[in-house]
Amino acid sequence: MNESGTPHAYMAQRILVGLLALPMSAYALLMLVGLLSARFDLMGAIFGLCTSTLAALCWWFALRGHLAASRRRMKFVLGGGFALGGIGFAIGFFGPLVWAPDANQGPLLGIFFTGPIGFVLGVALAWIYARIRDRGMGDSVVA
């Protein structure tokens, strides 16, 4: 594999991820139109937010995946998303089991709400932190 930072590096992966980003972007836009035209739906908003976050990450890799500094930032951002999303999932899944054991839908909180919200929040915070950190180091990569 070509690690030199040329546009041909990771070409097959970038094309595949770009093709994956197309339907996710369309779904996110359809969810946005649905949320703006109808009554607000929290579950739809969370699904749309997660889908748009994943689509943005896919577009980021498809368009800037050939740059080593951008790939390094992507790994950091995904790690932040998975870390905070995992913490949110664990709290939402196991919290109701501990504090309200008689609640029959308690673990769904972690699956559908706190986990996805934690992932999106983790991605956003990690991206902001990576941008600030790279600016302080004098990194000129914009992504």
Protein backbone atom coordinates (compact mmCIF):
# COMPACT_ATOMS: atom_id res chain seq x y z
CA MET A 1 0.00 0.00 0.00
CA ASN A 2 1.24 3.46 -0.81
CA GLU A 3 1.83 5.47 2.38
CA SER A 4 3.41 8.45 0.64
CA GLY A 5 0.35 10.68 0.80
CA THR A 6 -0.33 10.64 -2.93
CA PRO A 7 -3.93 10.73 -4.16
CA HIS A 8 -3.61 7.08 -5.23
CA ALA A 9 -3.07 5.87 -1.67
CA TYR A 10 -6.08 3.98 -0.30
CA MET A 11 -7.92 4.56 -3.60
CA ALA A 12 -10.11 1.42 -3.49
CA GLN A 13 -11.10 2.01 0.15
CA ARG A 14 -11.85 5.66 -0.52
CA ILE A 15 -14.06 4.83 -3.50
CA LEU A 16 -15.94 2.19 -1.52
CA VAL A 17 -16.47 4.52 1.43
CA GLY A 18 -17.57 7.30 -0.92
CA LEU A 19 -20.17 4.98 -2.44
CA LEU A 20 -21.31 4.06 1.08
CA ALA A 21 -21.60 7.75 1.98
CA LEU A 22 -24.06 8.47 -0.84
CA PRO A 23 -27.09 6.59 0.56
CA MET A 24 -26.27 7.69 4.11
CA SER A 25 -26.25 11.32 2.98
CA ALA A 26 -29.55 10.86 1.15
CA TYR A 27 -31.10 9.26 4.24
CA ALA A 28 -29.83 12.03 6.49
CA LEU A 29 -31.29 14.67 4.16
CA LEU A 30 -34.62 12.85 4.00
CA MET A 31 -34.69 12.66 7.80
CA LEU A 32 -33.96 16.38 8.00
CA VAL A 33 -36.77 17.20 5.58
CA GLY A 34 -39.12 14.92 7.51
CA LEU A 35 -38.23 16.53 10.82
CA LEU A 36 -38.70 20.03 9.46
CA SER A 37 -41.99 19.35 7.70
CA ALA A 38 -43.73 17.23 10.34
CA ARG A 39 -43.93 17.12 14.10
CA PHE A 40 -40.57 16.74 15.84
CA ASP A 41 -39.66 13.11 16.51
CA LEU A 42 -36.82 12.50 18.96
CA MET A 43 -36.01 9.02 17.69
CA GLY A 44 -35.92 10.25 14.10
CA ALA A 45 -33.70 13.14 15.12
CA ILE A 46 -31.24 10.79 16.82
CA PHE A 47 -31.17 8.40 13.84
CA GLY A 48 -30.71 11.32 11.46
CA LEU A 49 -27.94 12.80 13.58
CA CYS A 50 -26.08 9.49 13.77
CA THR A 51 -26.48 8.88 10.05
CA SER A 52 -25.29 12.36 9.16
CA THR A 53 -22.29 11.95 11.48
CA LEU A 54 -21.36 8.65 9.85
CA ALA A 55 -21.89 10.15 6.39
CA ALA A 56 -19.63 13.08 7.27
CA LEU A 57 -16.92 10.69 8.48
CA CYS A 58 -17.24 8.66 5.28
CA TRP A 59 -17.01 11.77 3.10
CA TRP A 60 -14.00 12.92 5.12
CA PHE A 61 -12.19 9.65 4.41
CA ALA A 62 -13.30 9.55 0.77
CA LEU A 63 -12.07 13.07 0.07
CA ARG A 64 -9.05 13.35 2.38
CA GLY A 65 -8.08 9.77 3.16
CA HIS A 66 -4.92 9.96 1.09
CA LEU A 67 -3.33 12.42 3.57
CA ALA A 68 -1.51 10.84 6.51
CA ALA A 69 -2.27 13.71 8.90
CA SER A 70 -5.96 13.55 8.04
CA ARG A 71 -6.05 9.77 8.58
CA ARG A 72 -4.36 10.26 11.95
CA ARG A 73 -7.03 12.78 12.91
CA MET A 74 -9.77 10.41 11.69
CA LYS A 75 -8.49 7.64 13.95
CA PHE A 76 -8.47 10.02 16.90
CA VAL A 77 -11.99 11.24 16.15
CA LEU A 78 -13.36 7.69 15.75
CA GLY A 79 -11.67 6.67 18.99
CA GLY A 80 -13.31 9.57 20.80
CA GLY A 81 -16.69 8.67 19.32
CA PHE A 82 -16.42 5.02 20.28
CA ALA A 83 -15.14 5.84 23.77
CA LEU A 84 -17.88 8.32 24.65
CA GLY A 85 -20.49 6.28 22.79
CA GLY A 86 -19.46 3.16 24.72
CA ILE A 87 -19.66 5.01 28.01
CA GLY A 88 -23.08 6.40 27.08
CA PHE A 89 -24.26 2.97 26.00
CA ALA A 90 -23.05 1.33 29.22
CA ILE A 91 -24.71 3.96 31.41
CA GLY A 92 -27.96 3.80 29.44
CA PHE A 93 -28.00 0.01 29.22
CA PHE A 94 -26.88 -1.01 32.70
CA GLY A 95 -28.11 2.03 34.64
CA PRO A 96 -31.81 1.17 34.39
CA LEU A 97 -31.02 -2.44 35.26
CA VAL A 98 -29.43 -1.27 38.52
CA TRP A 99 -31.67 1.67 39.50
CA ALA A 100 -35.00 0.47 38.12
CA PRO A 101 -34.88 -3.32 37.75
CA ASP A 102 -38.64 -3.53 37.27
CA ALA A 103 -38.51 -1.34 34.12
CA ASN A 104 -38.96 -3.72 31.21
CA GLN A 105 -37.58 -1.34 28.57
CA GLY A 106 -34.64 0.03 30.55
CA PRO A 107 -31.78 -1.28 28.37
CA LEU A 108 -33.34 0.27 25.26
CA LEU A 109 -32.27 3.64 26.66
CA GLY A 110 -28.63 2.74 26.01
CA ILE A 111 -29.27 1.19 22.63
CA PHE A 112 -31.37 3.95 21.10
CA PHE A 113 -30.56 7.12 23.05
CA THR A 114 -27.45 7.42 25.21
CA GLY A 115 -25.17 5.28 23.03
CA PRO A 116 -25.81 7.10 19.72
CA ILE A 117 -25.87 10.52 21.37
CA GLY A 118 -22.59 9.69 23.11
CA PHE A 119 -21.05 8.62 19.80
CA VAL A 120 -22.05 11.84 18.05
CA LEU A 121 -20.92 13.96 20.99
CA GLY A 122 -17.63 12.05 21.23
CA VAL A 123 -16.94 12.54 17.51
CA ALA A 124 -17.69 16.26 17.75
CA LEU A 125 -15.59 16.83 20.86
CA ALA A 126 -12.68 14.75 19.55
CA TRP A 127 -12.77 16.61 16.23
CA ILE A 128 -12.70 19.98 18.00
CA TYR A 129 -9.88 18.84 20.29
CA ALA A 130 -7.88 17.45 17.35
CA ARG A 131 -8.28 20.71 15.43
CA ILE A 132 -7.12 22.78 18.40
CA ARG A 133 -4.23 20.42 19.10
CA ASP A 134 -3.10 20.39 15.49
CA ARG A 135 -3.33 24.16 15.22
CA GLY A 136 -1.02 24.45 18.22
CA MET A 137 1.47 22.10 16.57
CA GLY A 138 1.45 24.11 13.36
CA ASP A 139 -0.25 21.43 11.29
CA SER A 140 -1.56 22.94 8.09
CA VAL A 141 -3.92 20.09 7.18
CA VAL A 142 -7.49 21.31 6.94
CA ALA A 143 -10.17 18.66 7.42
